[in-house]
């Protein structure tokens, strides 16, 4: 099986509509794809309708903050209508808008000629994120490509135009996902700016109910993969993988990294167990 458990669409900050993502998944020879847009499941109905021969695993990438720094949690097979989770997602999405507006204002102070209206037009109905701002910057000529926005000069973490935003404590995020019948996987903990996440922190998250850790990711080195794989084995966590494809923003890399079949089946089994426990609490 070829399984990509980390993919984005235009429902958040990817460039392609969910139906096109599923079409590309089939062309890439994938058997299973998880659509994991940031803090939203809005793209799932369209993706499901267009899945064809590809199995769609419903998912989301949830914004979290660990000891004052940004981390991401991949969530799968949860009920998005679970009240506490739905309320937190709404709060996160609302704060994304406030943050994006503040970043546009900072960029204007730095001489970048973009407006909130331009960013909003690029985002459309999607959950707004930094890639939308980056695309507006590139369109204005301030930078040559959206990737150049993610530096300390501009909107990278700690950059001149960076603005913090509301995000969940990862232990709370894990609890919310589990309460909604799903499973949580720590996304790319050793990729780029996320390399500070320690073994001890991951161990604490495992004790809180973390189901897996993303090992196979384009931005994680072979050495980091080996360390994460050993840690996942020690903690009985599923070692997952995914392309983190964002369409043209990441050069259409869907299927470039995959999840081993045993890890995928372990997540499915754990979600089923979680659902059984949840059902037993509400059904006499």
C-alpha atoms as a PDB file:
ATOM      1  CA  UNK A   1       0.000   0.000   0.000  1.00  0.00           C
ATOM      2  CA  UNK A   2       1.063   3.576  -0.706  1.00  0.00           C
ATOM      3  CA  UNK A   3      -0.291   5.838   2.029  1.00  0.00           C
ATOM      4  CA  UNK A   4       0.203   9.625   2.333  1.00  0.00           C
ATOM      5  CA  UNK A   5      -1.191  10.899   5.637  1.00  0.00           C
ATOM      6  CA  UNK A   6      -0.334  14.611   5.363  1.00  0.00           C
ATOM      7  CA  UNK A   7      -1.855  16.561   2.463  1.00  0.00           C
ATOM      8  CA  UNK A   8      -3.327  20.067   2.098  1.00  0.00           C
ATOM      9  CA  UNK A   9      -5.870  21.603  -0.243  1.00  0.00           C
ATOM     10  CA  UNK A  10      -7.227  25.058  -0.989  1.00  0.00           C
ATOM     11  CA  UNK A  11      -9.556  24.606   1.987  1.00  0.00           C
ATOM     12  CA  UNK A  12      -6.566  25.889   3.951  1.00  0.00           C
ATOM     13  CA  UNK A  13      -3.223  26.914   2.453  1.00  0.00           C
ATOM     14  CA  UNK A  14      -2.764  24.454  -0.409  1.00  0.00           C
ATOM     15  CA  UNK A  15      -3.185  25.679  -3.980  1.00  0.00           C
ATOM     16  CA  UNK A  16      -5.432  22.924  -5.385  1.00  0.00           C
ATOM     17  CA  UNK A  17      -9.109  22.222  -4.653  1.00  0.00           C
ATOM     18  CA  UNK A  18      -9.796  18.999  -2.721  1.00  0.00           C
ATOM     19  CA  UNK A  19     -11.131  17.227  -5.830  1.00  0.00           C
ATOM     20  CA  UNK A  20      -7.916  18.002  -7.707  1.00  0.00           C
ATOM     21  CA  UNK A  21      -5.858  16.726  -4.777  1.00  0.00           C
ATOM     22  CA  UNK A  22      -7.673  13.398  -4.977  1.00  0.00           C
ATOM     23  CA  UNK A  23      -7.193  13.255  -8.754  1.00  0.00           C
ATOM     24  CA  UNK A  24      -3.455  13.798  -8.310  1.00  0.00           C
ATOM     25  CA  UNK A  25      -3.391  11.158  -5.579  1.00  0.00           C
ATOM     26  CA  UNK A  26      -4.787   8.590  -7.980  1.00  0.00           C
ATOM     27  CA  UNK A  27      -2.265   9.592 -10.656  1.00  0.00           C
ATOM     28  CA  UNK A  28       0.521   9.244  -8.083  1.00  0.00           C
ATOM     29  CA  UNK A  29      -0.565   5.645  -7.428  1.00  0.00           C
ATOM     30  CA  UNK A  30      -1.630   6.269  -3.837  1.00  0.00           C
ATOM     31  CA  UNK A  31      -4.007   3.866  -2.122  1.00  0.00           C
ATOM     32  CA  UNK A  32      -4.805   6.073   0.891  1.00  0.00           C
ATOM     33  CA  UNK A  33      -4.676   9.851   1.366  1.00  0.00           C
ATOM     34  CA  UNK A  34      -5.427  11.883   4.483  1.00  0.00           C
ATOM     35  CA  UNK A  35      -6.640  15.400   3.775  1.00  0.00           C
ATOM     36  CA  UNK A  36      -5.215  17.378   6.697  1.00  0.00           C
ATOM     37  CA  UNK A  37      -6.028  21.028   6.139  1.00  0.00           C
ATOM     38  CA  UNK A  38      -5.150  23.485   8.876  1.00  0.00           C
ATOM     39  CA  UNK A  39      -7.830  23.732  11.571  1.00  0.00           C
ATOM     40  CA  UNK A  40     -10.679  22.803   9.230  1.00  0.00           C
ATOM     41  CA  UNK A  41     -12.483  19.846   7.693  1.00  0.00           C
ATOM     42  CA  UNK A  42     -14.267  21.997   5.106  1.00  0.00           C
ATOM     43  CA  UNK A  43     -12.557  20.237   2.190  1.00  0.00           C
ATOM     44  CA  UNK A  44     -13.569  16.713   3.165  1.00  0.00           C
ATOM     45  CA  UNK A  45     -16.993  16.506   1.431  1.00  0.00           C
ATOM     46  CA  UNK A  46     -15.522  17.529  -1.932  1.00  0.00           C
ATOM     47  CA  UNK A  47     -12.538  15.210  -1.471  1.00  0.00           C
ATOM     48  CA  UNK A  48     -14.803  12.316  -0.522  1.00  0.00           C
ATOM     49  CA  UNK A  49     -16.963  12.818  -3.600  1.00  0.00           C
ATOM     50  CA  UNK A  50     -13.885  12.819  -5.839  1.00  0.00           C
ATOM     51  CA  UNK A  51     -11.953  10.023  -4.106  1.00  0.00           C
ATOM     52  CA  UNK A  52     -12.495   7.423  -6.840  1.00  0.00           C
ATOM     53  CA  UNK A  53     -10.116   4.499  -6.279  1.00  0.00           C
ATOM     54  CA  UNK A  54      -8.265   6.256  -3.442  1.00  0.00           C
ATOM     55  CA  UNK A  55      -9.321   5.719   0.178  1.00  0.00           C
ATOM     56  CA  UNK A  56      -9.795   9.073   1.907  1.00  0.00           C
ATOM     57  CA  UNK A  57      -8.791   9.181   5.566  1.00  0.00           C
ATOM     58  CA  UNK A  58     -10.523  12.194   7.137  1.00  0.00           C
ATOM     59  CA  UNK A  59      -8.091  14.401   8.991  1.00  0.00           C
ATOM     60  CA  UNK A  60      -6.908  17.853   9.971  1.00  0.00           C
ATOM     61  CA  UNK A  61      -3.711  19.599  11.071  1.00  0.00           C
ATOM     62  CA  UNK A  62      -4.403  21.268  14.390  1.00  0.00           C
ATOM     63  CA  UNK A  63      -2.522  24.378  15.555  1.00  0.00           C
ATOM     64  CA  UNK A  64      -0.812  23.905  18.921  1.00  0.00           C
ATOM     65  CA  UNK A  65       1.703  25.689  21.119  1.00  0.00           C
ATOM     66  CA  UNK A  66       4.219  23.856  23.281  1.00  0.00           C
ATOM     67  CA  UNK A  67       6.161  25.885  25.842  1.00  0.00           C
ATOM     68  CA  UNK A  68       5.533  29.056  23.885  1.00  0.00           C
ATOM     69  CA  UNK A  69       6.450  27.693  20.453  1.00  0.00           C
ATOM     70  CA  UNK A  70       4.375  26.475  17.523  1.00  0.00           C
ATOM     71  CA  UNK A  71       3.833  22.773  16.911  1.00  0.00           C
ATOM     72  CA  UNK A  72       1.270  20.955  14.795  1.00  0.00           C
ATOM     73  CA  UNK A  73      -0.895  17.962  15.597  1.00  0.00           C
ATOM     74  CA  UNK A  74      -2.321  15.723  12.872  1.00  0.00           C
ATOM     75  CA  UNK A  75      -5.750  14.412  13.844  1.00  0.00           C
ATOM     76  CA  UNK A  76      -7.586  11.553  12.141  1.00  0.00           C
ATOM     77  CA  UNK A  77     -10.992   9.868  12.285  1.00  0.00           C
ATOM     78  CA  UNK A  78     -12.501  12.292  14.817  1.00  0.00           C
ATOM     79  CA  UNK A  79     -16.012  13.729  14.992  1.00  0.00           C
ATOM     80  CA  UNK A  80     -15.637  17.420  13.989  1.00  0.00           C
ATOM     81  CA  UNK A  81     -19.003  18.215  15.550  1.00  0.00           C
ATOM     82  CA  UNK A  82     -17.892  17.236  19.028  1.00  0.00           C
ATOM     83  CA  UNK A  83     -18.812  20.459  20.900  1.00  0.00           C
ATOM     84  CA  UNK A  84     -15.544  21.246  22.684  1.00  0.00           C
ATOM     85  CA  UNK A  85     -13.412  20.503  19.646  1.00  0.00           C
ATOM     86  CA  UNK A  86     -15.707  22.470  17.328  1.00  0.00           C
ATOM     87  CA  UNK A  87     -15.596  25.480  19.652  1.00  0.00           C
ATOM     88  CA  UNK A  88     -11.799  25.457  19.784  1.00  0.00           C
ATOM     89  CA  UNK A  89     -11.545  25.163  16.005  1.00  0.00           C
ATOM     90  CA  UNK A  90     -13.817  28.174  15.584  1.00  0.00           C
ATOM     91  CA  UNK A  91     -11.688  30.181  17.996  1.00  0.00           C
ATOM     92  CA  UNK A  92      -8.476  29.212  16.187  1.00  0.00           C
ATOM     93  CA  UNK A  93      -9.905  30.162  12.782  1.00  0.00           C
ATOM     94  CA  UNK A  94     -11.201  33.506  14.065  1.00  0.00           C
ATOM     95  CA  UNK A  95      -7.803  34.328  15.535  1.00  0.00           C
ATOM     96  CA  UNK A  96      -6.108  33.414  12.248  1.00  0.00           C
ATOM     97  CA  UNK A  97      -7.967  36.322  10.631  1.00  0.00           C
ATOM     98  CA  UNK A  98      -6.951  38.772  13.358  1.00  0.00           C
ATOM     99  CA  UNK A  99      -3.356  37.593  13.094  1.00  0.00           C
ATOM    100  CA  UNK A 100      -3.247  37.862   9.305  1.00  0.00           C
ATOM    101  CA  UNK A 101      -4.594  41.416   9.441  1.00  0.00           C
ATOM    102  CA  UNK A 102      -1.936  42.356  11.995  1.00  0.00           C
ATOM    103  CA  UNK A 103       0.813  40.827   9.849  1.00  0.00           C
ATOM    104  CA  UNK A 104      -0.383  42.754   6.798  1.00  0.00           C
ATOM    105  CA  UNK A 105      -0.203  45.955   8.864  1.00  0.00           C
ATOM    106  CA  UNK A 106       3.356  45.141   9.941  1.00  0.00           C
ATOM    107  CA  UNK A 107       4.356  44.429   6.355  1.00  0.00           C
ATOM    108  CA  UNK A 108       2.881  47.757   5.262  1.00  0.00           C
ATOM    109  CA  UNK A 109       5.031  49.480   7.903  1.00  0.00           C
ATOM    110  CA  UNK A 110       8.023  47.695   6.361  1.00  0.00           C
ATOM    111  CA  UNK A 111       7.152  49.053   2.916  1.00  0.00           C
ATOM    112  CA  UNK A 112       5.422  45.992   1.457  1.00  0.00           C
ATOM    113  CA  UNK A 113       2.527  47.176  -0.693  1.00  0.00           C
ATOM    114  CA  UNK A 114      -0.184  44.619   0.074  1.00  0.00           C
ATOM    115  CA  UNK A 115      -3.610  44.937   1.648  1.00  0.00           C
ATOM    116  CA  UNK A 116      -5.859  42.718   3.722  1.00  0.00           C
ATOM    117  CA  UNK A 117      -8.329  42.693   0.833  1.00  0.00           C
ATOM    118  CA  UNK A 118      -5.685  41.149  -1.448  1.00  0.00           C
ATOM    119  CA  UNK A 119      -4.847  38.463   1.095  1.00  0.00           C
ATOM    120  CA  UNK A 120      -8.531  37.718   1.694  1.00  0.00           C
ATOM    121  CA  UNK A 121      -9.116  37.405  -2.054  1.00  0.00           C
ATOM    122  CA  UNK A 122      -6.281  34.884  -2.350  1.00  0.00           C
ATOM    123  CA  UNK A 123      -7.585  32.878   0.612  1.00  0.00           C
ATOM    124  CA  UNK A 124     -11.182  32.947  -0.625  1.00  0.00           C
ATOM    125  CA  UNK A 125     -13.282  30.640   1.558  1.00  0.00           C
ATOM    126  CA  UNK A 126     -10.184  28.911   2.924  1.00  0.00           C
ATOM    127  CA  UNK A 127      -8.801  29.174   6.443  1.00  0.00           C
ATOM    128  CA  UNK A 128      -6.349  32.048   6.103  1.00  0.00           C
ATOM    129  CA  UNK A 129      -2.681  31.340   6.750  1.00  0.00           C
ATOM    130  CA  UNK A 130       0.783  32.719   6.183  1.00  0.00           C
ATOM    131  CA  UNK A 131       1.088  31.159   2.704  1.00  0.00           C
ATOM    132  CA  UNK A 132      -1.751  33.415   1.539  1.00  0.00           C
ATOM    133  CA  UNK A 133       0.184  36.435   2.785  1.00  0.00           C
ATOM    134  CA  UNK A 134       3.323  35.089   1.111  1.00  0.00           C
ATOM    135  CA  UNK A 135       1.484  34.770  -2.206  1.00  0.00           C
ATOM    136  CA  UNK A 136       0.264  38.366  -1.908  1.00  0.00           C
ATOM    137  CA  UNK A 137       3.824  39.514  -1.209  1.00  0.00           C
ATOM    138  CA  UNK A 138       5.091  37.715  -4.293  1.00  0.00           C
ATOM    139  CA  UNK A 139       2.294  39.189  -6.420  1.00  0.00           C
ATOM    140  CA  UNK A 140       3.264  42.674  -5.214  1.00  0.00           C
ATOM    141  CA  UNK A 141       6.875  42.171  -6.291  1.00  0.00           C
ATOM    142  CA  UNK A 142       8.243  42.501  -2.759  1.00  0.00           C
ATOM    143  CA  UNK A 143       9.706  38.999  -3.042  1.00  0.00           C
ATOM    144  CA  UNK A 144      10.403  36.763  -6.026  1.00  0.00           C
ATOM    145  CA  UNK A 145       8.486  33.723  -4.743  1.00  0.00           C
ATOM    146  CA  UNK A 146       6.236  32.887  -1.776  1.00  0.00           C
ATOM    147  CA  UNK A 147       8.966  30.794  -0.179  1.00  0.00           C
ATOM    148  CA  UNK A 148      11.082  33.911   0.331  1.00  0.00           C
ATOM    149  CA  UNK A 149       8.483  35.236   2.781  1.00  0.00           C
ATOM    150  CA  UNK A 150       9.397  32.587   5.347  1.00  0.00           C
ATOM    151  CA  UNK A 151      12.561  34.225   6.649  1.00  0.00           C
ATOM    152  CA  UNK A 152      13.373  36.375   9.668  1.00  0.00           C
ATOM    153  CA  UNK A 153      13.162  39.374   7.374  1.00  0.00           C
ATOM    154  CA  UNK A 154       9.469  38.762   6.846  1.00  0.00           C
ATOM    155  CA  UNK A 155       6.914  36.325   8.306  1.00  0.00           C
ATOM    156  CA  UNK A 156       8.875  33.344   9.621  1.00  0.00           C
ATOM    157  CA  UNK A 157       8.517  32.638  13.346  1.00  0.00           C
ATOM    158  CA  UNK A 158      10.179  35.570  15.092  1.00  0.00           C
ATOM    159  CA  UNK A 159      10.408  37.552  11.846  1.00  0.00           C
ATOM    160  CA  UNK A 160       9.941  41.298  11.567  1.00  0.00           C
ATOM    161  CA  UNK A 161       6.306  40.951  10.493  1.00  0.00           C
ATOM    162  CA  UNK A 162       5.469  37.835  12.501  1.00  0.00           C
ATOM    163  CA  UNK A 163       2.452  37.912  14.810  1.00  0.00           C
ATOM    164  CA  UNK A 164       1.611  35.184  17.298  1.00  0.00           C
ATOM    165  CA  UNK A 165      -1.848  33.624  17.454  1.00  0.00           C
ATOM    166  CA  UNK A 166      -4.093  31.471  19.571  1.00  0.00           C
ATOM    167  CA  UNK A 167      -3.250  27.770  19.577  1.00  0.00           C
ATOM    168  CA  UNK A 168      -3.973  24.789  21.789  1.00  0.00           C
ATOM    169  CA  UNK A 169      -1.719  23.192  24.331  1.00  0.00           C
ATOM    170  CA  UNK A 170      -0.863  19.864  22.663  1.00  0.00           C
ATOM    171  CA  UNK A 171      -1.975  17.814  25.667  1.00  0.00           C
ATOM    172  CA  UNK A 172      -5.383  19.480  25.469  1.00  0.00           C
ATOM    173  CA  UNK A 173      -5.434  18.937  21.698  1.00  0.00           C
ATOM    174  CA  UNK A 174      -4.774  15.234  22.158  1.00  0.00           C
ATOM    175  CA  UNK A 175      -7.548  15.039  24.738  1.00  0.00           C
ATOM    176  CA  UNK A 176     -10.033  16.831  22.475  1.00  0.00           C
ATOM    177  CA  UNK A 177      -9.245  14.580  19.514  1.00  0.00           C
ATOM    178  CA  UNK A 178      -9.567  11.452  21.634  1.00  0.00           C
ATOM    179  CA  UNK A 179     -12.834  12.693  23.153  1.00  0.00           C
ATOM    180  CA  UNK A 180     -14.084  13.094  19.580  1.00  0.00           C
ATOM    181  CA  UNK A 181     -13.233   9.458  18.830  1.00  0.00           C
ATOM    182  CA  UNK A 182     -10.053  10.166  16.880  1.00  0.00           C
ATOM    183  CA  UNK A 183      -6.294   9.715  17.105  1.00  0.00           C
ATOM    184  CA  UNK A 184      -3.542  12.350  17.239  1.00  0.00           C
ATOM    185  CA  UNK A 185      -0.092  12.252  15.620  1.00  0.00           C
ATOM    186  CA  UNK A 186       2.641  14.813  16.250  1.00  0.00           C
ATOM    187  CA  UNK A 187       3.499  16.422  12.904  1.00  0.00           C
ATOM    188  CA  UNK A 188       7.097  16.794  11.672  1.00  0.00           C
ATOM    189  CA  UNK A 189       8.711  17.404  15.100  1.00  0.00           C
ATOM    190  CA  UNK A 190      12.230  17.643  13.628  1.00  0.00           C
ATOM    191  CA  UNK A 191      11.554  19.588  10.417  1.00  0.00           C
ATOM    192  CA  UNK A 192      13.045  23.040   9.953  1.00  0.00           C
ATOM    193  CA  UNK A 193      12.037  25.343  12.786  1.00  0.00           C
ATOM    194  CA  UNK A 194      10.471  22.425  14.692  1.00  0.00           C
ATOM    195  CA  UNK A 195      13.785  20.697  15.447  1.00  0.00           C
ATOM    196  CA  UNK A 196      13.666  21.924  19.054  1.00  0.00           C
ATOM    197  CA  UNK A 197      10.962  19.388  20.054  1.00  0.00           C
ATOM    198  CA  UNK A 198      12.753  17.046  22.455  1.00  0.00           C
ATOM    199  CA  UNK A 199      12.454  13.336  23.154  1.00  0.00           C
ATOM    200  CA  UNK A 200      11.275  14.186  26.661  1.00  0.00           C
ATOM    201  CA  UNK A 201       8.462  16.369  25.340  1.00  0.00           C
ATOM    202  CA  UNK A 202       7.341  13.662  22.927  1.00  0.00           C
ATOM    203  CA  UNK A 203       7.438  11.142  25.780  1.00  0.00           C
ATOM    204  CA  UNK A 204       5.104  13.369  27.829  1.00  0.00           C
ATOM    205  CA  UNK A 205       2.719  13.655  24.882  1.00  0.00           C
ATOM    206  CA  UNK A 206       2.750   9.883  24.481  1.00  0.00           C
ATOM    207  CA  UNK A 207       1.746   9.565  28.135  1.00  0.00           C
ATOM    208  CA  UNK A 208      -1.158  11.946  27.401  1.00  0.00           C
ATOM    209  CA  UNK A 209      -2.485   9.669  24.674  1.00  0.00           C
ATOM    210  CA  UNK A 210      -0.530  10.586  21.542  1.00  0.00           C
ATOM    211  CA  UNK A 211      -1.009   7.813  18.969  1.00  0.00           C
ATOM    212  CA  UNK A 212       1.898   8.479  16.623  1.00  0.00           C
ATOM    213  CA  UNK A 213       4.711  10.676  15.438  1.00  0.00           C
ATOM    214  CA  UNK A 214       5.389  11.755  11.859  1.00  0.00           C
ATOM    215  CA  UNK A 215       8.764  10.260  10.987  1.00  0.00           C
ATOM    216  CA  UNK A 216       8.816  10.303   7.186  1.00  0.00           C
ATOM    217  CA  UNK A 217       8.566  13.947   6.086  1.00  0.00           C
ATOM    218  CA  UNK A 218      10.381  15.801   3.280  1.00  0.00           C
ATOM    219  CA  UNK A 219      12.005  18.262   5.687  1.00  0.00           C
ATOM    220  CA  UNK A 220      13.343  15.737   8.188  1.00  0.00           C
ATOM    221  CA  UNK A 221      16.864  14.417   7.703  1.00  0.00           C
ATOM    222  CA  UNK A 222      17.762  10.735   7.630  1.00  0.00           C
ATOM    223  CA  UNK A 223      19.484  11.123  10.998  1.00  0.00           C
ATOM    224  CA  UNK A 224      16.392  12.682  12.588  1.00  0.00           C
ATOM    225  CA  UNK A 225      14.176  10.017  11.028  1.00  0.00           C
ATOM    226  CA  UNK A 226      16.305   7.291  12.574  1.00  0.00           C
ATOM    227  CA  UNK A 227      16.121   8.922  16.005  1.00  0.00           C
ATOM    228  CA  UNK A 228      12.358   9.436  15.748  1.00  0.00           C
ATOM    229  CA  UNK A 229      11.833   5.880  14.536  1.00  0.00           C
ATOM    230  CA  UNK A 230      13.691   4.511  17.556  1.00  0.00           C
ATOM    231  CA  UNK A 231      11.731   6.776  19.900  1.00  0.00           C
ATOM    232  CA  UNK A 232       8.413   5.777  18.328  1.00  0.00           C
ATOM    233  CA  UNK A 233       9.310   2.126  18.837  1.00  0.00           C
ATOM    234  CA  UNK A 234      10.252   2.718  22.477  1.00  0.00           C
ATOM    235  CA  UNK A 235       6.982   4.573  23.140  1.00  0.00           C
ATOM    236  CA  UNK A 236       4.736   2.239  21.080  1.00  0.00           C
ATOM    237  CA  UNK A 237       3.776   5.095  18.765  1.00  0.00           C
ATOM    238  CA  UNK A 238       2.830   4.665  15.116  1.00  0.00           C
ATOM    239  CA  UNK A 239       5.626   5.995  12.883  1.00  0.00           C
ATOM    240  CA  UNK A 240       3.744   7.793  10.118  1.00  0.00           C
ATOM    241  CA  UNK A 241       4.747   9.654   6.988  1.00  0.00           C
ATOM    242  CA  UNK A 242       3.365  12.170   4.557  1.00  0.00           C
ATOM    243  CA  UNK A 243       4.362  14.571   1.833  1.00  0.00           C
ATOM    244  CA  UNK A 244       2.925  17.717   3.479  1.00  0.00           C
ATOM    245  CA  UNK A 245       1.939  18.603  -0.077  1.00  0.00           C
ATOM    246  CA  UNK A 246       0.605  22.136  -0.650  1.00  0.00           C
ATOM    247  CA  UNK A 247       0.278  21.924  -4.426  1.00  0.00           C
ATOM    248  CA  UNK A 248       2.393  24.390  -6.386  1.00  0.00           C
ATOM    249  CA  UNK A 249       3.802  25.874  -3.171  1.00  0.00           C
ATOM    250  CA  UNK A 250       5.687  22.610  -2.558  1.00  0.00           C
ATOM    251  CA  UNK A 251       6.245  21.630  -6.195  1.00  0.00           C
ATOM    252  CA  UNK A 252       3.473  19.007  -6.253  1.00  0.00           C
ATOM    253  CA  UNK A 253       5.164  16.418  -4.073  1.00  0.00           C
ATOM    254  CA  UNK A 254       2.078  14.333  -3.259  1.00  0.00           C
ATOM    255  CA  UNK A 255       3.196  10.784  -2.452  1.00  0.00           C
ATOM    256  CA  UNK A 256       6.857  11.725  -2.055  1.00  0.00           C
ATOM    257  CA  UNK A 257       6.751  10.416   1.536  1.00  0.00           C
ATOM    258  CA  UNK A 258       4.485   7.641   2.741  1.00  0.00           C
ATOM    259  CA  UNK A 259       3.301   5.810   5.857  1.00  0.00           C
ATOM    260  CA  UNK A 260       4.155   2.136   6.362  1.00  0.00           C
ATOM    261  CA  UNK A 261       1.068  -0.077   6.194  1.00  0.00           C
ATOM    262  CA  UNK A 262       1.585  -1.377   9.732  1.00  0.00           C
ATOM    263  CA  UNK A 263       1.547   2.172  11.129  1.00  0.00           C
ATOM    264  CA  UNK A 264      -1.608   3.003   9.192  1.00  0.00           C
ATOM    265  CA  UNK A 265      -3.398  -0.096  10.470  1.00  0.00           C
ATOM    266  CA  UNK A 266      -2.226   0.686  14.015  1.00  0.00           C
ATOM    267  CA  UNK A 267      -3.880   4.114  13.798  1.00  0.00           C
ATOM    268  CA  UNK A 268      -7.100   2.611  12.448  1.00  0.00           C
ATOM    269  CA  UNK A 269      -7.166   0.052  15.250  1.00  0.00           C
ATOM    270  CA  UNK A 270      -6.485   2.682  17.902  1.00  0.00           C
ATOM    271  CA  UNK A 271      -9.254   4.923  16.543  1.00  0.00           C
ATOM    272  CA  UNK A 272     -11.668   1.991  16.561  1.00  0.00           C
ATOM    273  CA  UNK A 273     -10.734   1.249  20.167  1.00  0.00           C
ATOM    274  CA  UNK A 274     -11.239   4.909  21.078  1.00  0.00           C
ATOM    275  CA  UNK A 275     -14.659   4.900  19.415  1.00  0.00           C
ATOM    276  CA  UNK A 276     -15.680   1.767  21.313  1.00  0.00           C
ATOM    277  CA  UNK A 277     -14.649   3.355  24.627  1.00  0.00           C
ATOM    278  CA  UNK A 278     -16.483   6.561  23.749  1.00  0.00           C
ATOM    279  CA  UNK A 279     -19.637   4.652  22.780  1.00  0.00           C
ATOM    280  CA  UNK A 280     -19.556   2.644  25.997  1.00  0.00           C
ATOM    281  CA  UNK A 281     -19.699   5.894  27.979  1.00  0.00           C
ATOM    282  CA  UNK A 282     -22.973   7.011  26.387  1.00  0.00           C
ATOM    283  CA  UNK A 283     -24.810   3.754  25.623  1.00  0.00           C
ATOM    284  CA  UNK A 284     -26.139   1.710  28.565  1.00  0.00           C
END
